[in-house]
Amino acid sequence: MRSIAFADFLIGVGILFVLEGLMFAASPAWMRRAMKSAMVTPDYILRGVGIGSAVAGLILIWLVRR
């Protein structure tokens, strides 16, 4: 039997795939430019944005679950 937390995790991953898929379907040229831009962006900036996004996501989850 799966736990509720694991089911919520899978729902979150599913939503991520839906949103990413919609962005690629709606504007593949924009996504291609965004990926090219990410390739030349320094690692420290990508790392900072990634950590910031993760923290914002955790705060959002915490606020919703509270």
PDB file of N, CA and C in Angstrom:
ATOM      1  N   MET A   1       0.840  -1.189   0.000  1.00  0.00           N
ATOM      2  CA  MET A   1       0.000   0.000   0.000  1.00  0.00           C
ATOM      3  C   MET A   1       0.882   1.248   0.000  1.00  0.00           C
ATOM      4  N   ARG A   2       0.608   2.150  -0.927  1.00  0.00           N
ATOM      5  CA  ARG A   2       1.392   3.380  -1.009  1.00  0.00           C
ATOM      6  C   ARG A   2       0.919   4.381   0.024  1.00  0.00           C
ATOM      7  N   SER A   3       1.861   5.160   0.502  1.00  0.00           N
ATOM      8  CA  SER A   3       1.493   6.193   1.466  1.00  0.00           C
ATOM      9  C   SER A   3       0.920   7.407   0.741  1.00  0.00           C
ATOM     10  N   ILE A   4       0.222   8.226   1.501  1.00  0.00           N
ATOM     11  CA  ILE A   4      -0.355   9.452   0.931  1.00  0.00           C
ATOM     12  C   ILE A   4       0.757  10.378   0.451  1.00  0.00           C
ATOM     13  N   ALA A   5       1.857  10.442   1.206  1.00  0.00           N
ATOM     14  CA  ALA A   5       2.966  11.316   0.813  1.00  0.00           C
ATOM     15  C   ALA A   5       3.543  10.883  -0.530  1.00  0.00           C
ATOM     16  N   PHE A   6       3.674   9.582  -0.758  1.00  0.00           N
ATOM     17  CA  PHE A   6       4.217   9.100  -2.027  1.00  0.00           C
ATOM     18  C   PHE A   6       3.237   9.393  -3.162  1.00  0.00           C
ATOM     19  N   ALA A   7       1.948   9.228  -2.903  1.00  0.00           N
ATOM     20  CA  ALA A   7       0.945   9.548  -3.922  1.00  0.00           C
ATOM     21  C   ALA A   7       1.003  11.030  -4.268  1.00  0.00           C
ATOM     22  N   ASP A   8       1.140  11.883  -3.254  1.00  0.00           N
ATOM     23  CA  ASP A   8       1.273  13.320  -3.505  1.00  0.00           C
ATOM     24  C   ASP A   8       2.516  13.624  -4.325  1.00  0.00           C
ATOM     25  N   PHE A   9       3.607  12.931  -4.033  1.00  0.00           N
ATOM     26  CA  PHE A   9       4.846  13.109  -4.790  1.00  0.00           C
ATOM     27  C   PHE A   9       4.624  12.754  -6.254  1.00  0.00           C
ATOM     28  N   LEU A  10       3.965  11.628  -6.506  1.00  0.00           N
ATOM     29  CA  LEU A  10       3.712  11.221  -7.891  1.00  0.00           C
ATOM     30  C   LEU A  10       2.787  12.205  -8.602  1.00  0.00           C
ATOM     31  N   ILE A  11       1.820  12.755  -7.896  1.00  0.00           N
ATOM     32  CA  ILE A  11       0.953  13.777  -8.486  1.00  0.00           C
ATOM     33  C   ILE A  11       1.776  15.005  -8.857  1.00  0.00           C
ATOM     34  N   GLY A  12       2.685  15.408  -7.975  1.00  0.00           N
ATOM     35  CA  GLY A  12       3.551  16.550  -8.264  1.00  0.00           C
ATOM     36  C   GLY A  12       4.419  16.315  -9.488  1.00  0.00           C
ATOM     37  N   VAL A  13       4.989  15.128  -9.606  1.00  0.00           N
ATOM     38  CA  VAL A  13       5.810  14.793 -10.778  1.00  0.00           C
ATOM     39  C   VAL A  13       4.948  14.815 -12.038  1.00  0.00           C
ATOM     40  N   GLY A  14       3.742  14.302 -11.929  1.00  0.00           N
ATOM     41  CA  GLY A  14       2.829  14.328 -13.080  1.00  0.00           C
ATOM     42  C   GLY A  14       2.504  15.738 -13.520  1.00  0.00           C
ATOM     43  N   ILE A  15       2.243  16.615 -12.568  1.00  0.00           N
ATOM     44  CA  ILE A  15       1.958  18.014 -12.888  1.00  0.00           C
ATOM     45  C   ILE A  15       3.176  18.660 -13.548  1.00  0.00           C
ATOM     46  N   LEU A  16       4.367  18.348 -13.053  1.00  0.00           N
ATOM     47  CA  LEU A  16       5.594  18.863 -13.654  1.00  0.00           C
ATOM     48  C   LEU A  16       5.687  18.453 -15.123  1.00  0.00           C
ATOM     49  N   PHE A  17       5.423  17.175 -15.414  1.00  0.00           N
ATOM     50  CA  PHE A  17       5.471  16.701 -16.799  1.00  0.00           C
ATOM     51  C   PHE A  17       4.429  17.399 -17.667  1.00  0.00           C
ATOM     52  N   VAL A  18       3.231  17.605 -17.129  1.00  0.00           N
ATOM     53  CA  VAL A  18       2.180  18.275 -17.893  1.00  0.00           C
ATOM     54  C   VAL A  18       2.610  19.697 -18.238  1.00  0.00           C
ATOM     55  N   LEU A  19       3.083  20.446 -17.238  1.00  0.00           N
ATOM     56  CA  LEU A  19       3.482  21.833 -17.486  1.00  0.00           C
ATOM     57  C   LEU A  19       4.653  21.925 -18.455  1.00  0.00           C
ATOM     58  N   GLU A  20       5.635  21.062 -18.276  1.00  0.00           N
ATOM     59  CA  GLU A  20       6.784  21.082 -19.183  1.00  0.00           C
ATOM     60  C   GLU A  20       6.360  20.708 -20.598  1.00  0.00           C
ATOM     61  N   GLY A  21       5.521  19.709 -20.713  1.00  0.00           N
ATOM     62  CA  GLY A  21       5.035  19.308 -22.033  1.00  0.00           C
ATOM     63  C   GLY A  21       4.249  20.407 -22.713  1.00  0.00           C
ATOM     64  N   LEU A  22       3.419  21.111 -21.949  1.00  0.00           N
ATOM     65  CA  LEU A  22       2.650  22.214 -22.527  1.00  0.00           C
ATOM     66  C   LEU A  22       3.557  23.342 -23.004  1.00  0.00           C
ATOM     67  N   MET A  23       4.629  23.610 -22.251  1.00  0.00           N
ATOM     68  CA  MET A  23       5.548  24.676 -22.677  1.00  0.00           C
ATOM     69  C   MET A  23       6.234  24.301 -23.985  1.00  0.00           C
ATOM     70  N   PHE A  24       6.659  23.053 -24.120  1.00  0.00           N
ATOM     71  CA  PHE A  24       7.293  22.621 -25.363  1.00  0.00           C
ATOM     72  C   PHE A  24       6.290  22.605 -26.518  1.00  0.00           C
ATOM     73  N   ALA A  25       5.058  22.200 -26.251  1.00  0.00           N
ATOM     74  CA  ALA A  25       4.043  22.146 -27.306  1.00  0.00           C
ATOM     75  C   ALA A  25       3.613  23.547 -27.737  1.00  0.00           C
ATOM     76  N   ALA A  26       3.495  24.467 -26.784  1.00  0.00           N
ATOM     77  CA  ALA A  26       3.013  25.809 -27.098  1.00  0.00           C
ATOM     78  C   ALA A  26       4.043  26.639 -27.847  1.00  0.00           C
ATOM     79  N   SER A  27       5.312  26.487 -27.484  1.00  0.00           N
ATOM     80  CA  SER A  27       6.339  27.325 -28.096  1.00  0.00           C
ATOM     81  C   SER A  27       7.687  26.609 -28.126  1.00  0.00           C
ATOM     82  N   PRO A  28       7.846  25.684 -29.059  1.00  0.00           N
ATOM     83  CA  PRO A  28       9.116  24.956 -29.122  1.00  0.00           C
ATOM     84  C   PRO A  28      10.315  25.863 -29.418  1.00  0.00           C
ATOM     85  N   ALA A  29      10.112  26.900 -30.202  1.00  0.00           N
ATOM     86  CA  ALA A  29      11.226  27.799 -30.520  1.00  0.00           C
ATOM     87  C   ALA A  29      11.694  28.537 -29.267  1.00  0.00           C
ATOM     88  N   TRP A  30      10.747  28.994 -28.445  1.00  0.00           N
ATOM     89  CA  TRP A  30      11.103  29.688 -27.201  1.00  0.00           C
ATOM     90  C   TRP A  30      11.835  28.740 -26.259  1.00  0.00           C
ATOM     91  N   MET A  31      11.366  27.510 -26.160  1.00  0.00           N
ATOM     92  CA  MET A  31      12.030  26.536 -25.278  1.00  0.00           C
ATOM     93  C   MET A  31      13.450  26.232 -25.780  1.00  0.00           C
ATOM     94  N   ARG A  32      13.617  26.160 -27.091  1.00  0.00           N
ATOM     95  CA  ARG A  32      14.945  25.921 -27.654  1.00  0.00           C
ATOM     96  C   ARG A  32      15.892  27.072 -27.303  1.00  0.00           C
ATOM     97  N   ARG A  33      15.392  28.316 -27.419  1.00  0.00           N
ATOM     98  CA  ARG A  33      16.204  29.474 -27.048  1.00  0.00           C
ATOM     99  C   ARG A  33      16.527  29.458 -25.552  1.00  0.00           C
ATOM    100  N   ALA A  34      15.561  29.080 -24.732  1.00  0.00           N
ATOM    101  CA  ALA A  34      15.777  29.022 -23.286  1.00  0.00           C
ATOM    102  C   ALA A  34      16.845  27.989 -22.941  1.00  0.00           C
ATOM    103  N   MET A  35      16.832  26.849 -23.622  1.00  0.00           N
ATOM    104  CA  MET A  35      17.847  25.819 -23.353  1.00  0.00           C
ATOM    105  C   MET A  35      19.229  26.285 -23.817  1.00  0.00           C
ATOM    106  N   LYS A  36      19.281  26.961 -24.950  1.00  0.00           N
ATOM    107  CA  LYS A  36      20.568  27.493 -25.413  1.00  0.00           C
ATOM    108  C   LYS A  36      21.102  28.521 -24.423  1.00  0.00           C
ATOM    109  N   SER A  37      20.216  29.347 -23.897  1.00  0.00           N
ATOM    110  CA  SER A  37      20.614  30.339 -22.907  1.00  0.00           C
ATOM    111  C   SER A  37      21.133  29.668 -21.644  1.00  0.00           C
ATOM    112  N   ALA A  38      20.493  28.594 -21.231  1.00  0.00           N
ATOM    113  CA  ALA A  38      20.932  27.867 -20.034  1.00  0.00           C
ATOM    114  C   ALA A  38      22.320  27.254 -20.245  1.00  0.00           C
ATOM    115  N   MET A  39      22.621  26.875 -21.469  1.00  0.00           N
ATOM    116  CA  MET A  39      23.931  26.262 -21.754  1.00  0.00           C
ATOM    117  C   MET A  39      25.085  27.247 -21.531  1.00  0.00           C
ATOM    118  N   VAL A  40      24.846  28.534 -21.729  1.00  0.00           N
ATOM    119  CA  VAL A  40      25.924  29.512 -21.578  1.00  0.00           C
ATOM    120  C   VAL A  40      25.868  30.248 -20.240  1.00  0.00           C
ATOM    121  N   THR A  41      24.853  29.948 -19.437  1.00  0.00           N
ATOM    122  CA  THR A  41      24.731  30.576 -18.123  1.00  0.00           C
ATOM    123  C   THR A  41      25.698  29.894 -17.155  1.00  0.00           C
ATOM    124  N   PRO A  42      26.439  30.662 -16.376  1.00  0.00           N
ATOM    125  CA  PRO A  42      27.393  30.061 -15.432  1.00  0.00           C
ATOM    126  C   PRO A  42      26.703  29.125 -14.427  1.00  0.00           C
ATOM    127  N   ASP A  43      27.447  28.105 -14.000  1.00  0.00           N
ATOM    128  CA  ASP A  43      26.908  27.105 -13.077  1.00  0.00           C
ATOM    129  C   ASP A  43      26.390  27.725 -11.786  1.00  0.00           C
ATOM    130  N   TYR A  44      27.096  28.711 -11.255  1.00  0.00           N
ATOM    131  CA  TYR A  44      26.682  29.274  -9.968  1.00  0.00           C
ATOM    132  C   TYR A  44      25.312  29.953 -10.059  1.00  0.00           C
ATOM    133  N   ILE A  45      25.003  30.523 -11.208  1.00  0.00           N
ATOM    134  CA  ILE A  45      23.694  31.157 -11.382  1.00  0.00           C
ATOM    135  C   ILE A  45      22.610  30.084 -11.495  1.00  0.00           C
ATOM    136  N   LEU A  46      22.850  29.048 -12.299  1.00  0.00           N
ATOM    137  CA  LEU A  46      21.882  27.964 -12.415  1.00  0.00           C
ATOM    138  C   LEU A  46      21.660  27.284 -11.070  1.00  0.00           C
ATOM    139  N   ARG A  47      22.735  27.083 -10.321  1.00  0.00           N
ATOM    140  CA  ARG A  47      22.631  26.460  -9.007  1.00  0.00           C
ATOM    141  C   ARG A  47      21.805  27.331  -8.061  1.00  0.00           C
ATOM    142  N   GLY A  48      22.058  28.635  -8.074  1.00  0.00           N
ATOM    143  CA  GLY A  48      21.307  29.556  -7.222  1.00  0.00           C
ATOM    144  C   GLY A  48      19.822  29.578  -7.560  1.00  0.00           C
ATOM    145  N   VAL A  49      19.521  29.611  -8.860  1.00  0.00           N
ATOM    146  CA  VAL A  49      18.119  29.592  -9.284  1.00  0.00           C
ATOM    147  C   VAL A  49      17.466  28.269  -8.889  1.00  0.00           C
ATOM    148  N   GLY A  50      18.187  27.175  -9.044  1.00  0.00           N
ATOM    149  CA  GLY A  50      17.651  25.866  -8.669  1.00  0.00           C
ATOM    150  C   GLY A  50      17.366  25.765  -7.182  1.00  0.00           C
ATOM    151  N   ILE A  51      18.306  26.225  -6.356  1.00  0.00           N
ATOM    152  CA  ILE A  51      18.107  26.193  -4.904  1.00  0.00           C
ATOM    153  C   ILE A  51      16.950  27.117  -4.516  1.00  0.00           C
ATOM    154  N   GLY A  52      16.905  28.300  -5.115  1.00  0.00           N
ATOM    155  CA  GLY A  52      15.811  29.232  -4.827  1.00  0.00           C
ATOM    156  C   GLY A  52      14.453  28.643  -5.191  1.00  0.00           C
ATOM    157  N   SER A  53      14.366  27.984  -6.339  1.00  0.00           N
ATOM    158  CA  SER A  53      13.110  27.356  -6.755  1.00  0.00           C
ATOM    159  C   SER A  53      12.715  26.234  -5.810  1.00  0.00           C
ATOM    160  N   ALA A  54      13.694  25.429  -5.401  1.00  0.00           N
ATOM    161  CA  ALA A  54      13.411  24.329  -4.480  1.00  0.00           C
ATOM    162  C   ALA A  54      12.901  24.855  -3.141  1.00  0.00           C
ATOM    163  N   VAL A  55      13.529  25.899  -2.629  1.00  0.00           N
ATOM    164  CA  VAL A  55      13.101  26.483  -1.354  1.00  0.00           C
ATOM    165  C   VAL A  55      11.702  27.083  -1.496  1.00  0.00           C
ATOM    166  N   ALA A  56      11.456  27.790  -2.588  1.00  0.00           N
ATOM    167  CA  ALA A  56      10.121  28.368  -2.809  1.00  0.00           C
ATOM    168  C   ALA A  56       9.064  27.268  -2.895  1.00  0.00           C
ATOM    169  N   GLY A  57       9.392  26.177  -3.563  1.00  0.00           N
ATOM    170  CA  GLY A  57       8.459  25.050  -3.653  1.00  0.00           C
ATOM    171  C   GLY A  57       8.181  24.424  -2.301  1.00  0.00           C
ATOM    172  N   LEU A  58       9.224  24.252  -1.499  1.00  0.00           N
ATOM    173  CA  LEU A  58       9.035  23.691  -0.162  1.00  0.00           C
ATOM    174  C   LEU A  58       8.181  24.599   0.709  1.00  0.00           C
ATOM    175  N   ILE A  59       8.408  25.898   0.618  1.00  0.00           N
ATOM    176  CA  ILE A  59       7.604  26.854   1.395  1.00  0.00           C
ATOM    177  C   ILE A  59       6.148  26.791   0.946  1.00  0.00           C
ATOM    178  N   LEU A  60       5.924  26.724  -0.358  1.00  0.00           N
ATOM    179  CA  LEU A  60       4.559  26.639  -0.877  1.00  0.00           C
ATOM    180  C   LEU A  60       3.868  25.370  -0.380  1.00  0.00           C
ATOM    181  N   ILE A  61       4.562  24.249  -0.455  1.00  0.00           N
ATOM    182  CA  ILE A  61       3.995  22.986   0.039  1.00  0.00           C
ATOM    183  C   ILE A  61       3.697  23.092   1.526  1.00  0.00           C
ATOM    184  N   TRP A  62       4.614  23.661   2.280  1.00  0.00           N
ATOM    185  CA  TRP A  62       4.429  23.807   3.728  1.00  0.00           C
ATOM    186  C   TRP A  62       3.200  24.672   4.032  1.00  0.00           C
ATOM    187  N   LEU A  63       3.049  25.783   3.298  1.00  0.00           N
ATOM    188  CA  LEU A  63       1.906  26.664   3.514  1.00  0.00           C
ATOM    189  C   LEU A  63       0.579  25.969   3.184  1.00  0.00           C
ATOM    190  N   VAL A  64       0.561  25.197   2.104  1.00  0.00           N
ATOM    191  CA  VAL A  64      -0.660  24.514   1.703  1.00  0.00           C
ATOM    192  C   VAL A  64      -1.013  23.405   2.692  1.00  0.00           C
ATOM    193  N   ARG A  65      -0.010  22.697   3.178  1.00  0.00           N
ATOM    194  CA  ARG A  65      -0.235  21.565   4.078  1.00  0.00           C
ATOM    195  C   ARG A  65      -0.527  21.993   5.502  1.00  0.00           C
ATOM    196  N   ARG A  66      -0.201  23.228   5.851  1.00  0.00           N
ATOM    197  CA  ARG A  66      -0.358  23.693   7.223  1.00  0.00           C
ATOM    198  C   ARG A  66      -1.780  23.825   7.632  1.00  0.00           C
TER     199      ARG A  66
END
